PDB file of N, CA and C in Angstrom:
ATOM      1  N   MET A   1       0.717  -1.188   0.039  1.00  0.00           N
ATOM      2  CA  MET A   1       0.133  -0.310   0.292  1.00  0.00           C
ATOM      3  C   MET A   1       0.774   1.406  -0.090  1.00  0.00           C
ATOM      4  N   GLN A   2       0.319   2.052  -0.330  1.00  0.00           N
ATOM      5  CA  GLN A   2       1.559   3.341  -0.680  1.00  0.00           C
ATOM      6  C   GLN A   2       0.210   4.502   0.409  1.00  0.00           C
ATOM      7  N   THR A   3       0.934   5.342   0.675  1.00  0.00           N
ATOM      8  CA  THR A   3       0.436   6.653   1.661  1.00  0.00           C
ATOM      9  C   THR A   3       0.116   7.923   0.139  1.00  0.00           C
ATOM     10  N   TYR A   4      -0.918   8.339   0.413  1.00  0.00           N
ATOM     11  CA  TYR A   4      -1.710   9.428  -0.333  1.00  0.00           C
ATOM     12  C   TYR A   4      -1.476  10.960   0.481  1.00  0.00           C
ATOM     13  N   TYR A   5      -1.177  11.919  -0.001  1.00  0.00           N
ATOM     14  CA  TYR A   5      -1.201  13.094   0.825  1.00  0.00           C
ATOM     15  C   TYR A   5      -2.271  14.028   0.378  1.00  0.00           C
ATOM     16  N   TYR A   6      -2.854  14.724   0.499  1.00  0.00           N
ATOM     17  CA  TYR A   6      -3.608  15.495   0.128  1.00  0.00           C
ATOM     18  C   TYR A   6      -4.343  16.828   0.842  1.00  0.00           C
ATOM     19  N   ILE A   7      -4.398  17.161  -0.357  1.00  0.00           N
ATOM     20  CA  ILE A   7      -5.403  19.225  -0.053  1.00  0.00           C
ATOM     21  C   ILE A   7      -6.674  18.744  -0.796  1.00  0.00           C
ATOM     22  N   LEU A   8      -7.792  19.526  -0.090  1.00  0.00           N
ATOM     23  CA  LEU A   8      -9.046  19.528  -0.589  1.00  0.00           C
ATOM     24  C   LEU A   8      -9.771  20.406   0.041  1.00  0.00           C
ATOM     25  N   ALA A   9     -10.195  20.797  -1.887  1.00  0.00           N
ATOM     26  CA  ALA A   9     -11.512  22.403  -1.329  1.00  0.00           C
ATOM     27  C   ALA A   9     -12.165  22.043  -2.520  1.00  0.00           C
ATOM     28  N   SER A  10     -12.942  23.845  -2.421  1.00  0.00           N
ATOM     29  CA  SER A  10     -14.214  23.664  -3.067  1.00  0.00           C
ATOM     30  C   SER A  10     -13.317  24.327  -4.595  1.00  0.00           C
ATOM     31  N   GLN A  11     -14.271  23.156  -5.276  1.00  0.00           N
ATOM     32  CA  GLN A  11     -14.039  23.698  -7.003  1.00  0.00           C
ATOM     33  C   GLN A  11     -13.520  25.011  -7.710  1.00  0.00           C
ATOM     34  N   ARG A  12     -14.876  25.624  -7.139  1.00  0.00           N
ATOM     35  CA  ARG A  12     -14.710  26.896  -7.166  1.00  0.00           C
ATOM     36  C   ARG A  12     -13.200  27.949  -6.580  1.00  0.00           C
ATOM     37  N   PHE A  13     -13.204  27.314  -5.550  1.00  0.00           N
ATOM     38  CA  PHE A  13     -12.037  28.372  -4.572  1.00  0.00           C
ATOM     39  C   PHE A  13     -11.072  28.019  -5.134  1.00  0.00           C
ATOM     40  N   LEU A  14     -10.729  26.226  -5.072  1.00  0.00           N
ATOM     41  CA  LEU A  14      -9.233  25.878  -5.934  1.00  0.00           C
ATOM     42  C   LEU A  14      -8.795  26.159  -7.164  1.00  0.00           C
ATOM     43  N   ILE A  15      -9.864  25.923  -8.075  1.00  0.00           N
ATOM     44  CA  ILE A  15      -9.999  25.991  -9.592  1.00  0.00           C
ATOM     45  C   ILE A  15     -10.077  27.584 -10.046  1.00  0.00           C
ATOM     46  N   GLN A  16     -11.259  28.309  -9.480  1.00  0.00           N
ATOM     47  CA  GLN A  16     -11.267  29.163  -9.761  1.00  0.00           C
ATOM     48  C   GLN A  16     -10.974  31.081  -9.706  1.00  0.00           C
ATOM     49  N   GLU A  17     -10.747  30.804  -8.316  1.00  0.00           N
ATOM     50  CA  GLU A  17     -10.246  32.372  -7.323  1.00  0.00           C
ATOM     51  C   GLU A  17      -9.162  31.644  -7.023  1.00  0.00           C
ATOM     52  N   GLU A  18      -7.876  31.067  -6.848  1.00  0.00           N
ATOM     53  CA  GLU A  18      -6.581  30.215  -6.723  1.00  0.00           C
ATOM     54  C   GLU A  18      -5.766  30.419  -7.887  1.00  0.00           C
ATOM     55  N   PRO A  19      -4.923  30.904  -8.071  1.00  0.00           N
ATOM     56  CA  PRO A  19      -3.590  30.436  -9.351  1.00  0.00           C
ATOM     57  C   PRO A  19      -2.977  29.121  -9.250  1.00  0.00           C
ATOM     58  N   ILE A  20      -3.941  27.760  -8.799  1.00  0.00           N
ATOM     59  CA  ILE A  20      -3.912  26.971  -8.901  1.00  0.00           C
ATOM     60  C   ILE A  20      -2.715  26.161  -9.901  1.00  0.00           C
ATOM     61  N   GLU A  21      -3.582  26.865 -11.220  1.00  0.00           N
ATOM     62  CA  GLU A  21      -2.834  26.678 -12.573  1.00  0.00           C
ATOM     63  C   GLU A  21      -1.478  26.505 -12.687  1.00  0.00           C
ATOM     64  N   GLU A  22      -1.566  27.568 -12.433  1.00  0.00           N
ATOM     65  CA  GLU A  22       0.231  28.357 -12.542  1.00  0.00           C
ATOM     66  C   GLU A  22       1.231  27.623 -11.591  1.00  0.00           C
ATOM     67  N   VAL A  23       0.648  27.500 -10.685  1.00  0.00           N
ATOM     68  CA  VAL A  23       1.235  26.856  -9.241  1.00  0.00           C
ATOM     69  C   VAL A  23       1.908  25.306  -9.622  1.00  0.00           C
ATOM     70  N   LEU A  24       0.719  24.216 -10.564  1.00  0.00           N
ATOM     71  CA  LEU A  24       1.310  23.333 -11.122  1.00  0.00           C
ATOM     72  C   LEU A  24       1.850  23.074 -11.988  1.00  0.00           C
ATOM     73  N   LYS A  25       1.585  23.904 -12.970  1.00  0.00           N
ATOM     74  CA  LYS A  25       3.026  24.035 -14.029  1.00  0.00           C
ATOM     75  C   LYS A  25       3.861  24.393 -13.558  1.00  0.00           C
ATOM     76  N   GLU A  26       4.137  25.506 -12.929  1.00  0.00           N
ATOM     77  CA  GLU A  26       5.930  25.240 -12.362  1.00  0.00           C
ATOM     78  C   GLU A  26       6.345  24.511 -12.171  1.00  0.00           C
ATOM     79  N   ARG A  27       5.260  23.714 -10.384  1.00  0.00           N
ATOM     80  CA  ARG A  27       5.997  22.538 -10.457  1.00  0.00           C
ATOM     81  C   ARG A  27       6.702  21.506 -11.457  1.00  0.00           C
ATOM     82  N   THR A  28       5.612  21.275 -12.763  1.00  0.00           N
ATOM     83  CA  THR A  28       6.072  20.099 -13.238  1.00  0.00           C
ATOM     84  C   THR A  28       6.885  20.664 -14.160  1.00  0.00           C
ATOM     85  N   ARG A  29       7.351  22.014 -14.659  1.00  0.00           N
ATOM     86  CA  ARG A  29       8.531  22.133 -15.460  1.00  0.00           C
ATOM     87  C   ARG A  29       9.512  21.389 -14.110  1.00  0.00           C
ATOM     88  N   TYR A  30       9.428  22.421 -13.006  1.00  0.00           N
ATOM     89  CA  TYR A  30      10.550  21.900 -11.935  1.00  0.00           C
ATOM     90  C   TYR A  30      10.977  20.652 -11.903  1.00  0.00           C
ATOM     91  N   TYR A  31       9.843  19.222 -11.518  1.00  0.00           N
ATOM     92  CA  TYR A  31      10.359  18.074 -11.714  1.00  0.00           C
ATOM     93  C   TYR A  31      11.108  17.712 -12.931  1.00  0.00           C
ATOM     94  N   HIS A  32      10.433  18.161 -13.936  1.00  0.00           N
ATOM     95  CA  HIS A  32      11.169  18.043 -15.850  1.00  0.00           C
ATOM     96  C   HIS A  32      12.525  18.455 -15.691  1.00  0.00           C
ATOM     97  N   GLU A  33      12.656  19.629 -15.240  1.00  0.00           N
ATOM     98  CA  GLU A  33      13.956  20.103 -14.983  1.00  0.00           C
ATOM     99  C   GLU A  33      15.467  19.509 -14.203  1.00  0.00           C
ATOM    100  N   GLN A  34      14.578  18.836 -13.246  1.00  0.00           N
ATOM    101  CA  GLN A  34      15.305  17.071 -11.787  1.00  0.00           C
ATOM    102  C   GLN A  34      14.901  16.240 -12.909  1.00  0.00           C
ATOM    103  N   GLU A  35      14.574  16.019 -13.825  1.00  0.00           N
ATOM    104  CA  GLU A  35      14.041  14.601 -13.790  1.00  0.00           C
ATOM    105  C   GLU A  35      14.014  13.289 -13.038  1.00  0.00           C
ATOM    106  N   LYS A  36      12.445  13.999 -12.501  1.00  0.00           N
ATOM    107  CA  LYS A  36      12.066  13.405 -11.255  1.00  0.00           C
ATOM    108  C   LYS A  36      10.239  13.195 -11.911  1.00  0.00           C
ATOM    109  N   GLN A  37      10.147  12.285 -11.391  1.00  0.00           N
ATOM    110  CA  GLN A  37       8.459  11.631 -11.980  1.00  0.00           C
ATOM    111  C   GLN A  37       7.553  12.476 -11.000  1.00  0.00           C
ATOM    112  N   ILE A  38       6.204  12.942 -11.863  1.00  0.00           N
ATOM    113  CA  ILE A  38       5.427  13.841 -11.028  1.00  0.00           C
ATOM    114  C   ILE A  38       5.089  12.761 -10.288  1.00  0.00           C
ATOM    115  N   ASP A  39       4.946  12.957  -9.390  1.00  0.00           N
ATOM    116  CA  ASP A  39       3.577  12.330  -7.645  1.00  0.00           C
ATOM    117  C   ASP A  39       2.942  13.455  -6.882  1.00  0.00           C
ATOM    118  N   PHE A  40       2.107  14.072  -7.918  1.00  0.00           N
ATOM    119  CA  PHE A  40       0.918  15.054  -7.650  1.00  0.00           C
ATOM    120  C   PHE A  40      -0.123  14.779  -8.681  1.00  0.00           C
ATOM    121  N   TRP A  41      -1.422  15.048  -8.676  1.00  0.00           N
ATOM    122  CA  TRP A  41      -2.219  14.921  -9.404  1.00  0.00           C
ATOM    123  C   TRP A  41      -3.893  15.868  -8.839  1.00  0.00           C
ATOM    124  N   LEU A  42      -4.012  16.597 -10.130  1.00  0.00           N
ATOM    125  CA  LEU A  42      -5.428  17.046  -9.614  1.00  0.00           C
ATOM    126  C   LEU A  42      -6.237  16.216  -9.530  1.00  0.00           C
ATOM    127  N   VAL A  43      -7.453  16.204  -8.729  1.00  0.00           N
ATOM    128  CA  VAL A  43      -8.363  14.805  -9.036  1.00  0.00           C
ATOM    129  C   VAL A  43     -10.092  15.775  -8.520  1.00  0.00           C
ATOM    130  N   GLN A  44     -10.737  16.100  -9.437  1.00  0.00           N
ATOM    131  CA  GLN A  44     -12.117  16.646  -9.317  1.00  0.00           C
ATOM    132  C   GLN A  44     -13.251  15.817  -9.258  1.00  0.00           C
ATOM    133  N   GLN A  45     -13.630  15.645  -7.825  1.00  0.00           N
ATOM    134  CA  GLN A  45     -14.945  14.978  -7.200  1.00  0.00           C
ATOM    135  C   GLN A  45     -14.014  13.249  -6.589  1.00  0.00           C
ATOM    136  N   PRO A  46     -12.822  13.835  -5.890  1.00  0.00           N
ATOM    137  CA  PRO A  46     -12.921  12.914  -5.786  1.00  0.00           C
ATOM    138  C   PRO A  46     -13.079  10.990  -4.683  1.00  0.00           C
ATOM    139  N   ALA A  47     -13.053  10.769  -5.696  1.00  0.00           N
ATOM    140  CA  ALA A  47     -13.709   8.881  -5.590  1.00  0.00           C
ATOM    141  C   ALA A  47     -13.742   8.647  -3.661  1.00  0.00           C
ATOM    142  N   PHE A  48     -12.458   8.707  -3.589  1.00  0.00           N
ATOM    143  CA  PHE A  48     -12.159   8.795  -1.931  1.00  0.00           C
ATOM    144  C   PHE A  48     -12.586   9.058  -0.941  1.00  0.00           C
ATOM    145  N   LEU A  49     -13.351  10.322  -1.059  1.00  0.00           N
ATOM    146  CA  LEU A  49     -13.917  10.684  -0.481  1.00  0.00           C
ATOM    147  C   LEU A  49     -15.190   9.955   0.058  1.00  0.00           C
ATOM    148  N   GLU A  50     -16.202   9.135  -0.950  1.00  0.00           N
ATOM    149  CA  GLU A  50     -16.792   8.215  -0.496  1.00  0.00           C
ATOM    150  C   GLU A  50     -16.696   6.835   0.369  1.00  0.00           C
ATOM    151  N   ALA A  51     -15.109   7.020   0.454  1.00  0.00           N
ATOM    152  CA  ALA A  51     -15.070   5.401   2.202  1.00  0.00           C
ATOM    153  C   ALA A  51     -15.570   6.448   3.584  1.00  0.00           C
ATOM    154  N   PRO A  52     -15.690   5.294   4.058  1.00  0.00           N
ATOM    155  CA  PRO A  52     -17.038   5.609   5.277  1.00  0.00           C
ATOM    156  C   PRO A  52     -16.205   6.685   6.242  1.00  0.00           C
ATOM    157  N   GLN A  53     -14.537   6.346   5.774  1.00  0.00           N
ATOM    158  CA  GLN A  53     -13.571   7.508   7.640  1.00  0.00           C
ATOM    159  C   GLN A  53     -13.418   9.029   6.294  1.00  0.00           C
ATOM    160  N   PHE A  54     -14.415   8.645   5.512  1.00  0.00           N
ATOM    161  CA  PHE A  54     -14.134  10.605   5.133  1.00  0.00           C
ATOM    162  C   PHE A  54     -15.304  11.469   5.351  1.00  0.00           C
ATOM    163  N   ALA A  55     -16.081  10.537   5.348  1.00  0.00           N
ATOM    164  CA  ALA A  55     -17.761  11.158   5.677  1.00  0.00           C
ATOM    165  C   ALA A  55     -18.196  12.621   6.108  1.00  0.00           C
ATOM    166  N   GLU A  56     -16.908  12.910   7.256  1.00  0.00           N
ATOM    167  CA  GLU A  56     -17.088  13.838   8.141  1.00  0.00           C
ATOM    168  C   GLU A  56     -16.297  15.193   7.494  1.00  0.00           C
ATOM    169  N   ILE A  57     -15.245  14.767   6.958  1.00  0.00           N
ATOM    170  CA  ILE A  57     -14.759  15.717   6.116  1.00  0.00           C
ATOM    171  C   ILE A  57     -14.830  16.103   4.360  1.00  0.00           C
ATOM    172  N   LYS A  58     -15.765  14.791   4.407  1.00  0.00           N
ATOM    173  CA  LYS A  58     -16.629  15.242   2.766  1.00  0.00           C
ATOM    174  C   LYS A  58     -17.714  16.264   3.439  1.00  0.00           C
ATOM    175  N   ALA A  59     -18.171  16.103   4.129  1.00  0.00           N
ATOM    176  CA  ALA A  59     -19.260  17.091   4.896  1.00  0.00           C
ATOM    177  C   ALA A  59     -18.495  18.871   5.269  1.00  0.00           C
ATOM    178  N   LYS A  60     -17.442  18.524   5.755  1.00  0.00           N
ATOM    179  CA  LYS A  60     -16.651  20.215   5.922  1.00  0.00           C
ATOM    180  C   LYS A  60     -16.344  20.807   4.869  1.00  0.00           C
ATOM    181  N   CYS A  61     -16.579  20.703   3.507  1.00  0.00           N
ATOM    182  CA  CYS A  61     -15.788  20.958   2.122  1.00  0.00           C
ATOM    183  C   CYS A  61     -17.430  20.475   0.972  1.00  0.00           C
ATOM    184  N   PRO A  62     -17.421  21.795   0.935  1.00  0.00           N
ATOM    185  CA  PRO A  62     -17.724  22.135   0.233  1.00  0.00           C
ATOM    186  C   PRO A  62     -17.830  21.451  -1.236  1.00  0.00           C
ATOM    187  N   GLN A  63     -18.971  21.121  -1.853  1.00  0.00           N
ATOM    188  CA  GLN A  63     -19.104  20.124  -3.152  1.00  0.00           C
ATOM    189  C   GLN A  63     -19.516  21.227  -4.245  1.00  0.00           C
ATOM    190  N   PRO A  64     -19.387  21.087  -5.622  1.00  0.00           N
ATOM    191  CA  PRO A  64     -18.264  19.607  -6.076  1.00  0.00           C
ATOM    192  C   PRO A  64     -17.001  19.943  -5.594  1.00  0.00           C
ATOM    193  N   ALA A  65     -16.094  18.708  -5.172  1.00  0.00           N
ATOM    194  CA  ALA A  65     -14.557  19.434  -4.474  1.00  0.00           C
ATOM    195  C   ALA A  65     -13.498  19.171  -5.821  1.00  0.00           C
ATOM    196  N   VAL A  66     -12.070  19.382  -5.221  1.00  0.00           N
ATOM    197  CA  VAL A  66     -11.167  18.871  -5.887  1.00  0.00           C
ATOM    198  C   VAL A  66     -10.144  19.086  -4.774  1.00  0.00           C
ATOM    199  N   ALA A  67      -9.367  17.615  -5.133  1.00  0.00           N
ATOM    200  CA  ALA A  67      -8.524  17.655  -4.249  1.00  0.00           C
ATOM    201  C   ALA A  67      -6.755  17.433  -4.794  1.00  0.00           C
ATOM    202  N   ILE A  68      -5.417  17.665  -4.624  1.00  0.00           N
ATOM    203  CA  ILE A  68      -4.384  17.237  -4.749  1.00  0.00           C
ATOM    204  C   ILE A  68      -4.311  16.450  -4.073  1.00  0.00           C
ATOM    205  N   ILE A  69      -3.928  16.001  -4.635  1.00  0.00           N
ATOM    206  CA  ILE A  69      -3.191  14.218  -4.154  1.00  0.00           C
ATOM    207  C   ILE A  69      -1.508  14.104  -4.740  1.00  0.00           C
ATOM    208  N   SER A  70      -0.629  13.798  -3.343  1.00  0.00           N
ATOM    209  CA  SER A  70       0.972  13.341  -3.536  1.00  0.00           C
ATOM    210  C   SER A  70       1.017  12.333  -3.258  1.00  0.00           C
ATOM    211  N   THR A  71       2.376  11.935  -3.593  1.00  0.00           N
ATOM    212  CA  THR A  71       2.756  10.885  -2.477  1.00  0.00           C
ATOM    213  C   THR A  71       3.460  11.581  -1.464  1.00  0.00           C
ATOM    214  N   ASN A  72       3.769  12.889  -1.924  1.00  0.00           N
ATOM    215  CA  ASN A  72       5.073  13.963  -1.350  1.00  0.00           C
ATOM    216  C   ASN A  72       4.488  14.837  -0.062  1.00  0.00           C
ATOM    217  N   SER A  73       4.540  14.314   0.822  1.00  0.00           N
ATOM    218  CA  SER A  73       4.508  15.083   2.036  1.00  0.00           C
ATOM    219  C   SER A  73       4.738  16.166   2.086  1.00  0.00           C
ATOM    220  N   GLN A  74       5.632  16.689   2.004  1.00  0.00           N
ATOM    221  CA  GLN A  74       6.509  18.284   1.280  1.00  0.00           C
ATOM    222  C   GLN A  74       5.521  18.873   0.871  1.00  0.00           C
ATOM    223  N   PHE A  75       4.900  18.530  -0.339  1.00  0.00           N
ATOM    224  CA  PHE A  75       5.069  19.007  -1.858  1.00  0.00           C
ATOM    225  C   PHE A  75       2.517  20.081  -0.892  1.00  0.00           C
ATOM    226  N   ILE A  76       2.573  18.501  -0.437  1.00  0.00           N
ATOM    227  CA  ILE A  76       1.097  19.248   0.110  1.00  0.00           C
ATOM    228  C   ILE A  76       1.058  20.438   1.224  1.00  0.00           C
ATOM    229  N   THR A  77       1.927  19.915   2.292  1.00  0.00           N
ATOM    230  CA  THR A  77       2.810  21.330   3.494  1.00  0.00           C
ATOM    231  C   THR A  77       2.463  22.068   2.872  1.00  0.00           C
ATOM    232  N   TRP A  78       3.976  22.926   1.693  1.00  0.00           N
ATOM    233  CA  TRP A  78       3.709  23.728   1.036  1.00  0.00           C
ATOM    234  C   TRP A  78       2.637  24.530   0.397  1.00  0.00           C
ATOM    235  N   LEU A  79       1.639  23.159   0.120  1.00  0.00           N
ATOM    236  CA  LEU A  79       0.704  24.287  -0.784  1.00  0.00           C
ATOM    237  C   LEU A  79      -0.959  24.309   0.646  1.00  0.00           C
ATOM    238  N   LYS A  80      -0.696  23.987   1.498  1.00  0.00           N
ATOM    239  CA  LYS A  80      -1.839  24.565   2.627  1.00  0.00           C
ATOM    240  C   LYS A  80      -0.931  25.709   3.523  1.00  0.00           C
ATOM    241  N   LEU A  81       0.904  25.960   2.780  1.00  0.00           N
ATOM    242  CA  LEU A  81       0.583  26.727   3.744  1.00  0.00           C
ATOM    243  C   LEU A  81       0.564  28.393   3.112  1.00  0.00           C
ATOM    244  N   ARG A  82       0.587  27.386   1.160  1.00  0.00           N
ATOM    245  CA  ARG A  82      -0.036  28.549   0.876  1.00  0.00           C
ATOM    246  C   ARG A  82      -1.109  29.151   0.388  1.00  0.00           C
ATOM    247  N   LEU A  83      -1.945  28.112   0.458  1.00  0.00           N
ATOM    248  CA  LEU A  83      -3.788  27.895   0.189  1.00  0.00           C
ATOM    249  C   LEU A  83      -4.172  28.332   1.548  1.00  0.00           C
ATOM    250  N   GLU A  84      -5.321  29.311   1.550  1.00  0.00           N
ATOM    251  CA  GLU A  84      -5.712  29.106   2.761  1.00  0.00           C
ATOM    252  C   GLU A  84      -7.235  28.551   3.103  1.00  0.00           C
ATOM    253  N   TYR A  85      -7.657  28.036   2.745  1.00  0.00           N
ATOM    254  CA  TYR A  85      -9.191  27.818   2.925  1.00  0.00           C
ATOM    255  C   TYR A  85      -9.334  25.753   2.457  1.00  0.00           C
ATOM    256  N   VAL A  86      -8.443  25.277   2.458  1.00  0.00           N
ATOM    257  CA  VAL A  86      -7.897  23.363   2.548  1.00  0.00           C
ATOM    258  C   VAL A  86      -8.178  23.177   3.336  1.00  0.00           C
ATOM    259  N   ILE A  87      -8.637  21.496   2.952  1.00  0.00           N
ATOM    260  CA  ILE A  87      -8.191  20.945   4.565  1.00  0.00           C
ATOM    261  C   ILE A  87      -7.605  19.642   3.655  1.00  0.00           C
ATOM    262  N   THR A  88      -6.805  18.940   4.423  1.00  0.00           N
ATOM    263  CA  THR A  88      -5.530  18.718   4.490  1.00  0.00           C
ATOM    264  C   THR A  88      -5.660  17.065   5.656  1.00  0.00           C
ATOM    265  N   GLY A  89      -5.261  16.205   4.339  1.00  0.00           N
ATOM    266  CA  GLY A  89      -4.945  14.438   4.913  1.00  0.00           C
ATOM    267  C   GLY A  89      -4.358  13.087   4.259  1.00  0.00           C
ATOM    268  N   GLU A  90      -4.888  12.374   5.401  1.00  0.00           N
ATOM    269  CA  GLU A  90      -3.586  11.235   4.450  1.00  0.00           C
ATOM    270  C   GLU A  90      -4.460  10.021   4.491  1.00  0.00           C
ATOM    271  N   PHE A  91      -4.516   9.230   2.788  1.00  0.00           N
ATOM    272  CA  PHE A  91      -4.937   8.145   3.213  1.00  0.00           C
ATOM    273  C   PHE A  91      -4.062   6.528   2.619  1.00  0.00           C
ATOM    274  N   GLN A  92      -4.404   5.820   2.879  1.00  0.00           N
ATOM    275  CA  GLN A  92      -3.569   4.543   1.926  1.00  0.00           C
ATOM    276  C   GLN A  92      -4.344   4.304   1.072  1.00  0.00           C
ATOM    277  N   ALA A  93      -4.264   3.459   0.027  1.00  0.00           N
ATOM    278  CA  ALA A  93      -4.667   3.323  -1.059  1.00  0.00           C
ATOM    279  C   ALA A  93      -3.475   1.957  -1.830  1.00  0.00           C
ATOM    280  N   PRO A  94      -3.852   1.131  -2.111  1.00  0.00           N
ATOM    281  CA  PRO A  94      -5.344   0.372  -2.285  1.00  0.00           C
ATOM    282  C   PRO A  94      -5.521  -0.148  -0.942  1.00  0.00           C
ATOM    283  N   SER A  95      -6.636   0.278  -0.866  1.00  0.00           N
ATOM    284  CA  SER A  95      -7.293  -0.074  -0.491  1.00  0.00           C
ATOM    285  C   SER A  95      -9.107  -0.789   0.188  1.00  0.00           C
ATOM    286  N   GLU A  96      -9.661  -1.920   0.959  1.00  0.00           N
ATOM    287  CA  GLU A  96     -10.849  -2.371   0.824  1.00  0.00           C
ATOM    288  C   GLU A  96     -11.866  -0.838   0.515  1.00  0.00           C
ATOM    289  N   ALA A  97     -11.575   0.071   1.374  1.00  0.00           N
ATOM    290  CA  ALA A  97     -12.725   1.367   0.615  1.00  0.00           C
ATOM    291  C   ALA A  97     -12.241   1.915  -0.080  1.00  0.00           C
ATOM    292  N   ILE A  98     -10.557   2.342  -0.763  1.00  0.00           N
ATOM    293  CA  ILE A  98     -10.293   2.882  -1.635  1.00  0.00           C
ATOM    294  C   ILE A  98      -9.778   1.990  -2.541  1.00  0.00           C
ATOM    295  N   ALA A  99     -10.019   1.836  -3.724  1.00  0.00           N
ATOM    296  CA  ALA A  99      -9.763   0.645  -4.469  1.00  0.00           C
ATOM    297  C   ALA A  99      -8.800   1.178  -5.172  1.00  0.00           C
ATOM    298  N   ASP A 100      -8.610   3.027  -5.498  1.00  0.00           N
ATOM    299  CA  ASP A 100      -8.074   3.636  -6.828  1.00  0.00           C
ATOM    300  C   ASP A 100      -7.668   5.033  -6.200  1.00  0.00           C
ATOM    301  N   ALA A 101      -6.760   5.649  -5.806  1.00  0.00           N
ATOM    302  CA  ALA A 101      -6.543   7.364  -4.518  1.00  0.00           C
ATOM    303  C   ALA A 101      -6.517   7.789  -5.376  1.00  0.00           C
ATOM    304  N   LEU A 102      -6.208   7.478  -6.939  1.00  0.00           N
ATOM    305  CA  LEU A 102      -6.707   8.992  -7.938  1.00  0.00           C
ATOM    306  C   LEU A 102      -8.451   8.769  -8.937  1.00  0.00           C
ATOM    307  N   ALA A 103      -9.022   7.690  -8.864  1.00  0.00           N
ATOM    308  CA  ALA A 103     -10.729   7.956  -8.804  1.00  0.00           C
ATOM    309  C   ALA A 103     -11.002   9.033  -9.026  1.00  0.00           C
ATOM    310  N   SER A 104     -12.118   9.610  -9.753  1.00  0.00           N
ATOM    311  CA  SER A 104     -13.057  10.469  -9.635  1.00  0.00           C
ATOM    312  C   SER A 104     -14.590  10.068  -9.473  1.00  0.00           C
ATOM    313  N   LEU A 105     -15.536  11.097  -9.789  1.00  0.00           N
ATOM    314  CA  LEU A 105     -16.692  10.898 -10.128  1.00  0.00           C
ATOM    315  C   LEU A 105     -17.204  11.769 -11.005  1.00  0.00           C
ATOM    316  N   SER A 106     -16.442  12.515 -11.678  1.00  0.00           N
ATOM    317  CA  SER A 106     -16.568  13.395 -12.334  1.00  0.00           C
ATOM    318  C   SER A 106     -17.079  12.834 -13.400  1.00  0.00           C
ATOM    319  N   THR A 107     -17.682  13.021 -14.472  1.00  0.00           N
ATOM    320  CA  THR A 107     -18.341  11.967 -16.170  1.00  0.00           C
ATOM    321  C   THR A 107     -17.512  13.140 -16.706  1.00  0.00           C
ATOM    322  N   VAL A 108     -16.242  13.480 -17.073  1.00  0.00           N
ATOM    323  CA  VAL A 108     -16.038  14.618 -18.540  1.00  0.00           C
ATOM    324  C   VAL A 108     -16.830  14.212 -19.562  1.00  0.00           C
ATOM    325  N   SER A 109     -17.069  15.572 -20.808  1.00  0.00           N
ATOM    326  CA  SER A 109     -17.203  14.824 -21.413  1.00  0.00           C
ATOM    327  C   SER A 109     -16.665  15.212 -22.742  1.00  0.00           C
TER     328      SER A 109
END
C-alpha cells in the first residue's frame, strides 16, 4: 500500500479563485528539469471521499470538491501554507475502502 497526502477544497475556490494552474505548471516544469517523476495529481470530485472514514471531511468541504493528491507530504504541506481554505490529510491505497487513490466521480465529456 502507498500513502497518499491531499489538500481538499471546493472546486470554485481551488480552480477559479486561486492560481493553482500556474502553481502546478511551475511544479511540473521543475520536476522535468530535475528529471523527477510527477508525484501529484489534481482530481475533481475525488472518489476517496466516498469511503466511510471520510464522511465527516466530505461534509466539511463545499461540493463539488477538488483534491490535489501526492505521494510527497512536503509538497502538500507547502500547498497548505500557500492556500488558506483547504483541508489536508492522508490515506492509504489501494485498500478495501479505496481501490484507486486517483479515481474521480466526475464524468468529463
